[in-house]
Amino acid sequence: MSDDAVPKRPPGPSVLVSNRQDLPVDAPALRALAEAVLRGEGRTEDELSLSFVTEREMAELHQRFMGEPGATDVLSFPMGEGGEAEDGLLGDVVVCPAVAVANGPDLDRELRLLVAHGVLHLLGFDHEEEAERAEMWARQERYSGVRIP
């Protein structure tokens, strides 16, 4: 088999989307946003998955991996350490639209913010310290178009 017969991945980052819940989400726009964050951070060859899940599934993930009860709005599961991809795979971002809608009346706005936030976590950004928080918030605002206090 020649190299020409092997399907080639298009250039740029790759985001696989899975929607396992019932609230309306603009999956193509949110995929494009995740790709824009990756490109903006110089990660043009990385892949990640972006999943939209029910409150029940999110609560199970939150308990299993964080040891905390109840659903949360977003979780990030990096494949490598410190924002490093393993074999091009950066990790998974899981968003719960049902929890996101409780954050504010504009679900699209909340989902943009959470997707940008989750991807930045995969890239190694955090918000434990004030300086880290300021940097991460500035980046997520730049990518999502959503300003939070």
Protein backbone atom coordinates (compact mmCIF):
# COMPACT_ATOMS: atom_id res chain seq x y z
CA MET A 1 0.00 0.00 0.00
CA SER A 2 1.43 3.36 -0.96
CA ASP A 3 1.44 6.44 1.25
CA ASP A 4 -1.10 8.00 -1.12
CA ALA A 5 -3.71 5.39 -0.10
CA VAL A 6 -3.53 6.30 3.59
CA PRO A 7 -6.02 9.04 4.46
CA LYS A 8 -4.19 12.07 5.79
CA ARG A 9 -5.46 14.20 8.63
CA PRO A 10 -6.00 17.81 7.59
CA PRO A 11 -3.37 20.21 8.92
CA GLY A 12 -4.05 21.90 12.22
CA PRO A 13 -5.43 20.76 15.55
CA SER A 14 -8.16 18.15 15.71
CA VAL A 15 -11.16 18.13 18.05
CA LEU A 16 -13.51 15.16 18.26
CA VAL A 17 -16.95 16.11 19.64
CA SER A 18 -19.39 13.83 21.43
CA ASN A 19 -22.80 15.11 22.53
CA ARG A 20 -24.45 12.75 25.03
CA GLN A 21 -27.09 15.08 26.48
CA ASP A 22 -30.29 16.83 25.33
CA LEU A 23 -29.76 20.59 25.65
CA PRO A 24 -29.01 22.42 22.40
CA VAL A 25 -25.31 23.03 21.80
CA ASP A 26 -23.65 24.49 18.71
CA ALA A 27 -21.15 21.66 18.38
CA PRO A 28 -19.49 22.96 15.18
CA ALA A 29 -18.90 26.42 16.72
CA LEU A 30 -17.60 24.94 19.98
CA ARG A 31 -15.29 22.59 18.06
CA ALA A 32 -13.99 25.60 16.11
CA LEU A 33 -13.45 27.47 19.38
CA ALA A 34 -11.44 24.58 20.86
CA GLU A 35 -9.36 24.44 17.68
CA ALA A 36 -8.83 28.22 17.84
CA VAL A 37 -7.54 27.95 21.41
CA LEU A 38 -5.11 25.22 20.35
CA ARG A 39 -3.90 27.21 17.34
CA GLY A 40 -3.65 30.39 19.41
CA GLU A 41 -1.44 28.59 21.90
CA GLY A 42 0.79 27.20 19.15
CA ARG A 43 -0.56 23.64 19.43
CA THR A 44 -1.22 23.00 15.74
CA GLU A 45 -0.73 19.24 15.76
CA ASP A 46 -2.59 18.25 18.94
CA GLU A 47 -5.87 16.38 19.26
CA LEU A 48 -8.45 16.45 22.01
CA SER A 49 -11.95 15.23 22.66
CA LEU A 50 -14.77 17.54 23.69
CA SER A 51 -17.80 15.86 25.28
CA PHE A 52 -21.14 17.31 26.34
CA VAL A 53 -22.71 15.14 29.03
CA THR A 54 -25.71 14.85 31.32
CA GLU A 55 -25.66 15.88 34.97
CA ARG A 56 -25.66 12.22 35.97
CA GLU A 57 -22.62 11.38 33.87
CA MET A 58 -20.80 14.50 35.08
CA ALA A 59 -21.57 13.68 38.72
CA GLU A 60 -20.15 10.18 38.20
CA LEU A 61 -16.96 11.58 36.62
CA HIS A 62 -16.64 14.25 39.32
CA GLN A 63 -16.92 11.65 42.09
CA ARG A 64 -14.69 9.08 40.40
CA PHE A 65 -11.83 11.35 39.39
CA MET A 66 -12.02 14.30 41.78
CA GLY A 67 -13.56 12.59 44.82
CA GLU A 68 -16.21 15.31 44.98
CA PRO A 69 -19.98 14.76 44.99
CA GLY A 70 -22.38 16.27 42.48
CA ALA A 71 -22.08 17.51 38.95
CA THR A 72 -19.79 20.36 37.94
CA ASP A 73 -19.77 22.45 34.78
CA VAL A 74 -16.42 21.39 33.24
CA LEU A 75 -13.67 18.84 33.83
CA SER A 76 -10.39 18.44 31.97
CA PHE A 77 -8.46 15.20 31.77
CA PRO A 78 -4.94 15.73 30.38
CA MET A 79 -3.11 12.81 28.82
CA GLY A 80 0.36 14.11 29.71
CA GLU A 81 1.98 16.27 32.35
CA GLY A 82 2.05 20.07 32.29
CA GLY A 83 0.20 20.51 29.03
CA GLU A 84 2.29 18.01 27.10
CA ALA A 85 0.47 15.76 24.66
CA GLU A 86 1.10 12.02 24.52
CA ASP A 87 1.46 10.90 20.91
CA GLY A 88 -0.37 14.06 19.82
CA LEU A 89 -3.29 13.39 22.18
CA LEU A 90 -3.77 16.29 24.57
CA GLY A 91 -6.71 14.90 26.56
CA ASP A 92 -10.43 15.29 27.14
CA VAL A 93 -12.66 18.24 28.03
CA VAL A 94 -16.05 17.29 29.46
CA VAL A 95 -18.79 19.93 29.74
CA CYS A 96 -22.21 19.63 31.38
CA PRO A 97 -24.63 22.07 29.72
CA ALA A 98 -27.30 21.45 32.40
CA VAL A 99 -24.93 22.78 35.06
CA ALA A 100 -23.65 25.52 32.74
CA VAL A 101 -27.14 26.93 32.26
CA ALA A 102 -27.36 27.45 36.03
CA ASN A 103 -24.27 29.72 35.79
CA GLY A 104 -26.20 32.29 33.78
CA PRO A 105 -29.12 32.70 31.39
CA ASP A 106 -27.03 32.66 28.18
CA LEU A 107 -26.10 29.00 27.59
CA ASP A 108 -24.06 29.72 24.44
CA ARG A 109 -21.95 32.25 26.37
CA GLU A 110 -21.37 29.82 29.23
CA LEU A 111 -20.43 26.98 26.89
CA ARG A 112 -17.87 29.16 25.05
CA LEU A 113 -16.32 30.12 28.38
CA LEU A 114 -16.24 26.53 29.64
CA VAL A 115 -14.75 25.11 26.43
CA ALA A 116 -11.97 27.71 26.41
CA HIS A 117 -11.41 27.15 30.15
CA GLY A 118 -11.24 23.37 29.76
CA VAL A 119 -8.83 23.48 26.82
CA LEU A 120 -6.55 25.91 28.68
CA HIS A 121 -6.46 23.47 31.61
CA LEU A 122 -5.35 20.72 29.22
CA LEU A 123 -2.57 23.03 28.07
CA GLY A 124 -1.30 23.34 31.64
CA PHE A 125 -2.92 26.60 32.73
CA ASP A 126 -4.32 26.82 36.23
CA HIS A 127 -5.93 29.36 38.54
CA GLU A 128 -4.76 28.40 42.02
CA GLU A 129 -2.52 31.45 42.43
CA GLU A 130 -3.69 35.01 41.69
CA ALA A 131 -1.09 35.59 38.94
CA GLU A 132 -2.01 32.27 37.27
CA ARG A 133 -5.69 33.13 37.54
CA ALA A 134 -5.20 36.54 35.91
CA GLU A 135 -3.28 35.00 33.01
CA MET A 136 -5.77 32.17 32.49
CA TRP A 137 -8.79 34.50 32.72
CA ALA A 138 -7.25 36.88 30.15
CA ARG A 139 -6.66 34.01 27.74
CA GLN A 140 -10.11 32.47 28.15
CA GLU A 141 -11.68 35.91 27.64
CA ARG A 142 -9.62 36.47 24.49
CA TYR A 143 -10.68 33.13 23.01
CA SER A 144 -14.28 32.91 24.22
CA GLY A 145 -15.23 36.58 24.01
CA VAL A 146 -16.70 36.22 27.51
CA ARG A 147 -15.51 38.46 30.33
CA ILE A 148 -15.93 37.32 33.90
CA PRO A 149 -15.17 39.41 36.97
